[in-house]
Amino acid sequence: MISRSLEETSGIAQNFLKTLSYGSSAEVVILSGDLGSGKTAFTQEVGKILGVAGSMQSPTFVIEKIYAIDFNPPAGRAGNFKRLIHIDAYRLEYDSELLHLGWEEIIKEPENLIFLEWPENVASIIPREAKKVSFKFIDETTREIQYEN
């Protein structure tokens, strides 16, 4: 899919949310792509759709940010998730660094929806069933966003 605006990215995010399921553990979404390819913007649009209050900033320097999700999301929005957890592994060198943030506990909680940027830096501890969204910078206003249902 091609996005030429935040509105188009929001539409893609809305459709992506329909592919998620609420299960016995957290839903993990890995975001792959170069710097500036739209990973954080996509996550911010997901947050808006799910009713996250306030602005969402990139967690590059703090690594992890946790946001409350609207407890009664409108119809068509991702089910029973209560927390959107945005993790940026760009500055991590070892999987163990993510483990120190409580990764094993975070992924066990079914009410968590986790968006993880730079998954290649912590690849060995990502659940096999994680959803993948790929981003490609085309030009200043255009991004290619790809995911599988």
N, C-alpha and C. Protein backbone atom coordinates (compact mmCIF):
# COMPACT_ATOMS: atom_id res chain seq x y z
N MET A 1 0.83 -1.17 0.00
CA MET A 1 0.00 0.00 0.00
C MET A 1 0.88 1.25 0.00
N ILE A 2 0.43 2.26 -0.65
CA ILE A 2 1.16 3.52 -0.73
C ILE A 2 0.42 4.55 0.11
N SER A 3 1.17 5.28 0.93
CA SER A 3 0.60 6.37 1.71
C SER A 3 1.29 7.67 1.32
N ARG A 4 0.46 8.67 1.04
CA ARG A 4 0.98 10.00 0.69
C ARG A 4 0.60 11.05 1.72
N SER A 5 -0.01 10.60 2.83
CA SER A 5 -0.43 11.54 3.87
C SER A 5 -0.69 10.79 5.17
N LEU A 6 -0.80 11.54 6.27
CA LEU A 6 -1.15 10.92 7.55
C LEU A 6 -2.55 10.33 7.49
N GLU A 7 -3.45 10.95 6.74
CA GLU A 7 -4.80 10.43 6.60
C GLU A 7 -4.77 9.05 5.95
N GLU A 8 -3.96 8.91 4.90
CA GLU A 8 -3.85 7.61 4.25
C GLU A 8 -3.18 6.59 5.17
N THR A 9 -2.17 7.02 5.92
CA THR A 9 -1.52 6.13 6.88
C THR A 9 -2.52 5.69 7.94
N SER A 10 -3.38 6.59 8.37
CA SER A 10 -4.40 6.25 9.35
C SER A 10 -5.36 5.19 8.80
N GLY A 11 -5.73 5.31 7.55
CA GLY A 11 -6.60 4.32 6.93
C GLY A 11 -5.94 2.95 6.86
N ILE A 12 -4.67 2.94 6.53
CA ILE A 12 -3.92 1.68 6.49
C ILE A 12 -3.83 1.09 7.90
N ALA A 13 -3.58 1.95 8.89
CA ALA A 13 -3.52 1.49 10.28
C ALA A 13 -4.86 0.91 10.73
N GLN A 14 -5.95 1.57 10.35
CA GLN A 14 -7.30 1.08 10.70
C GLN A 14 -7.52 -0.32 10.13
N ASN A 15 -7.16 -0.52 8.88
CA ASN A 15 -7.32 -1.83 8.26
C ASN A 15 -6.40 -2.86 8.91
N PHE A 16 -5.19 -2.45 9.26
CA PHE A 16 -4.26 -3.37 9.91
C PHE A 16 -4.82 -3.83 11.26
N LEU A 17 -5.40 -2.92 12.02
CA LEU A 17 -5.95 -3.28 13.33
C LEU A 17 -7.01 -4.37 13.22
N LYS A 18 -7.69 -4.43 12.12
CA LYS A 18 -8.71 -5.47 11.92
C LYS A 18 -8.10 -6.85 11.79
N THR A 19 -6.79 -6.93 11.53
CA THR A 19 -6.12 -8.23 11.39
C THR A 19 -5.64 -8.77 12.73
N LEU A 20 -5.70 -7.95 13.77
CA LEU A 20 -5.18 -8.37 15.07
C LEU A 20 -6.23 -9.18 15.83
N SER A 21 -5.74 -10.03 16.71
CA SER A 21 -6.65 -10.82 17.52
C SER A 21 -6.25 -10.75 18.98
N TYR A 22 -7.24 -10.85 19.82
CA TYR A 22 -7.03 -10.84 21.26
C TYR A 22 -6.93 -12.29 21.68
N GLY A 23 -5.77 -12.68 22.23
CA GLY A 23 -5.56 -14.09 22.57
C GLY A 23 -5.11 -14.29 24.00
N SER A 24 -4.33 -15.32 24.21
CA SER A 24 -3.88 -15.68 25.55
C SER A 24 -2.57 -15.00 25.94
N SER A 25 -1.98 -14.26 25.00
CA SER A 25 -0.77 -13.50 25.30
C SER A 25 -0.83 -12.19 24.52
N ALA A 26 0.16 -11.35 24.72
CA ALA A 26 0.18 -10.05 24.04
C ALA A 26 0.24 -10.23 22.53
N GLU A 27 -0.27 -9.25 21.83
CA GLU A 27 -0.12 -9.20 20.38
C GLU A 27 1.12 -8.36 20.11
N VAL A 28 2.12 -8.95 19.44
CA VAL A 28 3.37 -8.26 19.15
C VAL A 28 3.40 -7.94 17.66
N VAL A 29 3.69 -6.67 17.36
CA VAL A 29 3.78 -6.20 15.98
C VAL A 29 5.19 -5.65 15.79
N ILE A 30 5.92 -6.24 14.85
CA ILE A 30 7.27 -5.73 14.58
C ILE A 30 7.21 -4.81 13.37
N LEU A 31 7.93 -3.70 13.49
CA LEU A 31 7.94 -2.65 12.47
C LEU A 31 9.34 -2.57 11.88
N SER A 32 9.47 -2.87 10.60
CA SER A 32 10.77 -2.87 9.93
C SER A 32 10.83 -1.78 8.87
N GLY A 33 12.00 -1.16 8.78
CA GLY A 33 12.21 -0.13 7.76
C GLY A 33 13.30 0.83 8.20
N ASP A 34 13.84 1.55 7.24
CA ASP A 34 14.90 2.50 7.52
C ASP A 34 14.41 3.67 8.35
N LEU A 35 15.35 4.46 8.87
CA LEU A 35 15.01 5.70 9.57
C LEU A 35 14.15 6.56 8.66
N GLY A 36 13.10 7.15 9.22
CA GLY A 36 12.26 8.06 8.45
C GLY A 36 11.28 7.39 7.51
N SER A 37 11.11 6.08 7.64
CA SER A 37 10.22 5.37 6.71
C SER A 37 8.77 5.32 7.17
N GLY A 38 8.48 5.80 8.40
CA GLY A 38 7.10 5.90 8.83
C GLY A 38 6.67 5.00 9.98
N LYS A 39 7.60 4.32 10.61
CA LYS A 39 7.26 3.39 11.69
C LYS A 39 6.59 4.09 12.86
N THR A 40 7.18 5.17 13.33
CA THR A 40 6.60 5.89 14.47
C THR A 40 5.29 6.57 14.08
N ALA A 41 5.22 7.16 12.89
CA ALA A 41 3.97 7.79 12.44
C ALA A 41 2.84 6.77 12.39
N PHE A 42 3.11 5.58 11.92
CA PHE A 42 2.11 4.51 11.86
C PHE A 42 1.64 4.17 13.27
N THR A 43 2.58 4.01 14.20
CA THR A 43 2.23 3.69 15.58
C THR A 43 1.40 4.81 16.21
N GLN A 44 1.75 6.05 15.92
CA GLN A 44 0.98 7.18 16.43
C GLN A 44 -0.45 7.16 15.89
N GLU A 45 -0.62 6.81 14.64
CA GLU A 45 -1.97 6.72 14.06
C GLU A 45 -2.75 5.59 14.71
N VAL A 46 -2.10 4.46 14.99
CA VAL A 46 -2.76 3.37 15.71
C VAL A 46 -3.22 3.88 17.07
N GLY A 47 -2.36 4.61 17.77
CA GLY A 47 -2.72 5.16 19.07
C GLY A 47 -3.94 6.06 19.00
N LYS A 48 -4.00 6.91 18.00
CA LYS A 48 -5.16 7.80 17.83
C LYS A 48 -6.43 6.98 17.62
N ILE A 49 -6.34 5.98 16.76
CA ILE A 49 -7.50 5.14 16.47
C ILE A 49 -8.00 4.44 17.73
N LEU A 50 -7.07 4.00 18.56
CA LEU A 50 -7.43 3.25 19.77
C LEU A 50 -7.78 4.15 20.96
N GLY A 51 -7.72 5.45 20.76
CA GLY A 51 -8.13 6.37 21.81
C GLY A 51 -7.06 6.71 22.83
N VAL A 52 -5.79 6.58 22.46
CA VAL A 52 -4.71 6.99 23.36
C VAL A 52 -4.82 8.49 23.56
N ALA A 53 -4.87 8.92 24.81
CA ALA A 53 -4.98 10.35 25.13
C ALA A 53 -3.61 11.01 25.03
N GLY A 54 -3.58 12.22 24.51
CA GLY A 54 -2.33 12.97 24.44
C GLY A 54 -1.48 12.56 23.25
N SER A 55 -0.33 13.19 23.14
CA SER A 55 0.56 12.90 22.02
C SER A 55 1.48 11.73 22.34
N MET A 56 1.83 11.02 21.32
CA MET A 56 2.76 9.90 21.44
C MET A 56 4.07 10.33 20.80
N GLN A 57 5.14 10.23 21.57
CA GLN A 57 6.46 10.59 21.07
C GLN A 57 7.27 9.32 20.80
N SER A 58 8.26 9.43 19.94
CA SER A 58 9.14 8.30 19.66
C SER A 58 9.86 7.89 20.93
N PRO A 59 9.92 6.59 21.22
CA PRO A 59 10.63 6.14 22.43
C PRO A 59 12.11 5.88 22.20
N THR A 60 12.71 6.48 21.18
CA THR A 60 14.10 6.20 20.84
C THR A 60 15.03 6.32 22.04
N PHE A 61 14.90 7.37 22.83
CA PHE A 61 15.84 7.59 23.92
C PHE A 61 15.43 6.92 25.22
N VAL A 62 14.15 6.69 25.41
CA VAL A 62 13.69 6.02 26.64
C VAL A 62 13.43 4.54 26.39
N ILE A 63 13.46 4.11 25.15
CA ILE A 63 13.30 2.74 24.67
C ILE A 63 11.85 2.25 24.72
N GLU A 64 11.12 2.53 25.79
CA GLU A 64 9.77 2.01 25.91
C GLU A 64 8.82 3.06 26.46
N LYS A 65 7.64 3.13 25.84
CA LYS A 65 6.57 3.99 26.35
C LYS A 65 5.30 3.16 26.40
N ILE A 66 4.53 3.35 27.47
CA ILE A 66 3.30 2.60 27.66
C ILE A 66 2.14 3.59 27.70
N TYR A 67 1.11 3.31 26.90
CA TYR A 67 -0.05 4.19 26.81
C TYR A 67 -1.31 3.40 27.13
N ALA A 68 -2.22 4.03 27.84
CA ALA A 68 -3.52 3.41 28.12
C ALA A 68 -4.38 3.51 26.88
N ILE A 69 -5.10 2.43 26.59
CA ILE A 69 -6.04 2.37 25.48
C ILE A 69 -7.44 2.52 26.05
N ASP A 70 -8.31 3.19 25.30
CA ASP A 70 -9.71 3.33 25.67
C ASP A 70 -10.26 1.96 26.07
N PHE A 71 -10.84 1.86 27.26
CA PHE A 71 -11.33 0.57 27.76
C PHE A 71 -12.56 0.08 27.02
N ASN A 72 -13.31 0.96 26.38
CA ASN A 72 -14.49 0.57 25.60
C ASN A 72 -14.33 1.10 24.18
N PRO A 73 -13.43 0.49 23.41
CA PRO A 73 -13.20 1.02 22.06
C PRO A 73 -14.44 0.89 21.19
N PRO A 74 -14.67 1.87 20.32
CA PRO A 74 -15.82 1.80 19.40
C PRO A 74 -15.74 0.55 18.52
N ALA A 75 -16.86 0.17 17.96
CA ALA A 75 -16.93 -1.00 17.09
C ALA A 75 -15.91 -0.89 15.97
N GLY A 76 -15.32 -2.02 15.61
CA GLY A 76 -14.35 -2.05 14.52
C GLY A 76 -12.92 -1.78 14.96
N ARG A 77 -12.74 -1.49 16.23
CA ARG A 77 -11.38 -1.26 16.71
C ARG A 77 -10.89 -2.50 17.44
N ALA A 78 -9.57 -2.63 17.56
CA ALA A 78 -8.99 -3.82 18.17
C ALA A 78 -9.56 -4.04 19.56
N GLY A 79 -10.16 -5.18 19.76
CA GLY A 79 -10.86 -5.65 20.94
C GLY A 79 -10.51 -5.21 22.32
N ASN A 80 -9.96 -6.07 23.11
CA ASN A 80 -9.82 -5.87 24.54
C ASN A 80 -8.43 -5.41 24.99
N PHE A 81 -7.64 -4.87 24.11
CA PHE A 81 -6.33 -4.38 24.51
C PHE A 81 -6.49 -3.17 25.42
N LYS A 82 -5.71 -3.15 26.49
CA LYS A 82 -5.77 -2.03 27.44
C LYS A 82 -4.53 -1.16 27.41
N ARG A 83 -3.43 -1.70 26.86
CA ARG A 83 -2.19 -0.95 26.81
C ARG A 83 -1.55 -1.07 25.43
N LEU A 84 -1.11 0.07 24.91
CA LEU A 84 -0.29 0.11 23.71
C LEU A 84 1.13 0.35 24.19
N ILE A 85 2.01 -0.58 23.93
CA ILE A 85 3.40 -0.46 24.36
C ILE A 85 4.24 -0.26 23.11
N HIS A 86 4.94 0.86 23.06
CA HIS A 86 5.76 1.22 21.91
C HIS A 86 7.22 1.11 22.34
N ILE A 87 7.94 0.20 21.69
CA ILE A 87 9.34 -0.05 22.03
C ILE A 87 10.20 0.25 20.80
N ASP A 88 11.29 0.97 21.03
CA ASP A 88 12.25 1.26 19.98
C ASP A 88 13.57 0.61 20.37
N ALA A 89 13.93 -0.45 19.66
CA ALA A 89 15.15 -1.21 19.99
C ALA A 89 16.37 -0.70 19.22
N TYR A 90 16.28 0.48 18.62
CA TYR A 90 17.37 1.02 17.81
C TYR A 90 18.69 1.08 18.58
N ARG A 91 18.63 1.49 19.83
CA ARG A 91 19.85 1.66 20.62
C ARG A 91 20.26 0.41 21.39
N LEU A 92 19.52 -0.68 21.23
CA LEU A 92 19.85 -1.91 21.95
C LEU A 92 20.84 -2.74 21.14
N GLU A 93 21.78 -3.33 21.85
CA GLU A 93 22.77 -4.18 21.19
C GLU A 93 22.55 -5.66 21.47
N TYR A 94 21.87 -5.96 22.57
CA TYR A 94 21.68 -7.35 22.98
C TYR A 94 20.22 -7.59 23.38
N ASP A 95 19.75 -8.80 23.13
CA ASP A 95 18.41 -9.18 23.55
C ASP A 95 18.21 -8.98 25.04
N SER A 96 19.25 -9.23 25.80
CA SER A 96 19.15 -9.14 27.26
C SER A 96 18.75 -7.75 27.73
N GLU A 97 19.06 -6.72 26.94
CA GLU A 97 18.67 -5.37 27.33
C GLU A 97 17.16 -5.21 27.33
N LEU A 98 16.49 -5.86 26.40
CA LEU A 98 15.03 -5.83 26.37
C LEU A 98 14.46 -6.69 27.50
N LEU A 99 15.13 -7.77 27.81
CA LEU A 99 14.69 -8.62 28.92
C LEU A 99 14.71 -7.85 30.23
N HIS A 100 15.67 -6.95 30.41
CA HIS A 100 15.76 -6.14 31.63
C HIS A 100 14.58 -5.18 31.78
N LEU A 101 13.90 -4.89 30.68
CA LEU A 101 12.71 -4.03 30.73
C LEU A 101 11.45 -4.81 31.06
N GLY A 102 11.61 -6.10 31.33
CA GLY A 102 10.45 -6.92 31.67
C GLY A 102 9.76 -7.53 30.47
N TRP A 103 10.48 -7.72 29.38
CA TRP A 103 9.93 -8.25 28.13
C TRP A 103 9.12 -9.52 28.33
N GLU A 104 9.65 -10.46 29.10
CA GLU A 104 8.96 -11.75 29.28
C GLU A 104 7.60 -11.58 29.94
N GLU A 105 7.49 -10.64 30.86
CA GLU A 105 6.20 -10.38 31.51
C GLU A 105 5.26 -9.62 30.58
N ILE A 106 5.81 -8.66 29.84
CA ILE A 106 5.02 -7.83 28.93
C ILE A 106 4.35 -8.69 27.87
N ILE A 107 5.08 -9.65 27.30
CA ILE A 107 4.50 -10.44 26.20
C ILE A 107 3.53 -11.52 26.69
N LYS A 108 3.51 -11.79 27.97
CA LYS A 108 2.56 -12.77 28.52
C LYS A 108 1.16 -12.16 28.72
N GLU A 109 1.08 -10.86 28.86
CA GLU A 109 -0.17 -10.18 29.21
C GLU A 109 -1.05 -9.96 27.97
N PRO A 110 -2.20 -10.65 27.87
CA PRO A 110 -3.03 -10.54 26.67
C PRO A 110 -3.62 -9.15 26.44
N GLU A 111 -3.63 -8.30 27.43
CA GLU A 111 -4.18 -6.95 27.27
C GLU A 111 -3.17 -5.97 26.67
N ASN A 112 -1.96 -6.45 26.35
CA ASN A 112 -0.92 -5.61 25.77
C ASN A 112 -0.88 -5.75 24.25
N LEU A 113 -0.83 -4.62 23.59
CA LEU A 113 -0.58 -4.54 22.16
C LEU A 113 0.78 -3.86 22.02
N ILE A 114 1.76 -4.61 21.53
CA ILE A 114 3.15 -4.14 21.52
C ILE A 114 3.59 -3.84 20.09
N PHE A 115 4.10 -2.63 19.88
CA PHE A 115 4.69 -2.24 18.60
C PHE A 115 6.19 -2.08 18.83
N LEU A 116 6.98 -2.85 18.11
CA LEU A 116 8.42 -2.91 18.31
C LEU A 116 9.16 -2.47 17.05
N GLU A 117 9.86 -1.34 17.16
CA GLU A 117 10.70 -0.85 16.06
C GLU A 117 12.10 -1.44 16.19
N TRP A 118 12.76 -1.64 15.08
CA TRP A 118 14.10 -2.19 14.99
C TRP A 118 14.18 -3.60 15.58
N PRO A 119 13.28 -4.49 15.16
CA PRO A 119 13.23 -5.84 15.71
C PRO A 119 14.49 -6.66 15.43
N GLU A 120 15.23 -6.31 14.40
CA GLU A 120 16.45 -7.05 14.08
C GLU A 120 17.48 -6.98 15.21
N ASN A 121 17.38 -5.97 16.07
CA ASN A 121 18.33 -5.83 17.18
C ASN A 121 18.03 -6.77 18.33
N VAL A 122 16.83 -7.34 18.36
CA VAL A 122 16.43 -8.26 19.44
C VAL A 122 15.71 -9.48 18.85
N ALA A 123 16.12 -9.88 17.67
CA ALA A 123 15.40 -10.89 16.88
C ALA A 123 15.16 -12.21 17.59
N SER A 124 16.09 -12.67 18.40
CA SER A 124 15.95 -14.01 18.97
C SER A 124 14.89 -14.11 20.06
N ILE A 125 14.37 -12.99 20.56
CA ILE A 125 13.36 -13.06 21.62
C ILE A 125 11.97 -12.60 21.15
N ILE A 126 11.83 -12.40 19.87
CA ILE A 126 10.52 -12.01 19.33
C ILE A 126 9.69 -13.27 19.12
N PRO A 127 8.45 -13.26 19.58
CA PRO A 127 7.59 -14.43 19.39
C PRO A 127 7.42 -14.77 17.90
N ARG A 128 7.40 -16.03 17.60
CA ARG A 128 7.26 -16.53 16.24
C ARG A 128 6.00 -16.00 15.55
N GLU A 129 4.94 -15.83 16.32
CA GLU A 129 3.65 -15.41 15.76
C GLU A 129 3.49 -13.89 15.64
N ALA A 130 4.55 -13.14 15.89
CA ALA A 130 4.47 -11.68 15.79
C ALA A 130 4.04 -11.27 14.38
N LYS A 131 3.20 -10.24 14.32
CA LYS A 131 2.79 -9.66 13.04
C LYS A 131 3.93 -8.76 12.56
N LYS A 132 4.06 -8.63 11.25
CA LYS A 132 5.13 -7.80 10.69
C LYS A 132 4.55 -6.73 9.77
N VAL A 133 5.02 -5.50 9.98
CA VAL A 133 4.67 -4.39 9.09
C VAL A 133 6.00 -3.81 8.59
N SER A 134 6.13 -3.70 7.28
CA SER A 134 7.35 -3.18 6.66
C SER A 134 7.07 -1.81 6.04
N PHE A 135 8.08 -0.94 6.15
CA PHE A 135 7.96 0.43 5.66
C PHE A 135 9.11 0.74 4.72
N LYS A 136 8.79 1.49 3.68
CA LYS A 136 9.82 1.92 2.73
C LYS A 136 9.61 3.40 2.40
N PHE A 137 10.68 4.17 2.56
CA PHE A 137 10.69 5.59 2.21
C PHE A 137 10.75 5.69 0.69
N ILE A 138 9.75 6.35 0.10
CA ILE A 138 9.75 6.56 -1.36
C ILE A 138 10.25 7.97 -1.66
N ASP A 139 9.62 8.96 -1.03
CA ASP A 139 10.08 10.35 -1.13
C ASP A 139 9.54 11.10 0.08
N GLU A 140 9.72 12.41 0.13
CA GLU A 140 9.36 13.19 1.32
C GLU A 140 7.91 13.02 1.78
N THR A 141 7.03 12.73 0.87
CA THR A 141 5.62 12.60 1.25
C THR A 141 5.03 11.21 1.01
N THR A 142 5.83 10.28 0.52
CA THR A 142 5.30 8.98 0.12
C THR A 142 6.03 7.84 0.82
N ARG A 143 5.22 6.91 1.36
CA ARG A 143 5.77 5.72 2.00
C ARG A 143 5.04 4.49 1.47
N GLU A 144 5.76 3.38 1.39
CA GLU A 144 5.15 2.10 1.07
C GLU A 144 5.02 1.33 2.39
N ILE A 145 3.83 0.85 2.67
CA ILE A 145 3.55 0.11 3.91
C ILE A 145 3.00 -1.26 3.50
N GLN A 146 3.60 -2.31 4.05
CA GLN A 146 3.20 -3.66 3.68
C GLN A 146 3.01 -4.51 4.92
N TYR A 147 1.92 -5.27 4.95
CA TYR A 147 1.68 -6.24 6.01
C TYR A 147 0.88 -7.39 5.44
N GLU A 148 0.94 -8.51 6.15
CA GLU A 148 0.15 -9.68 5.75
C GLU A 148 -1.01 -9.83 6.68
N ASN A 149 -2.14 -10.27 6.18
CA ASN A 149 -3.34 -10.47 7.02
C ASN A 149 -3.20 -11.66 7.91
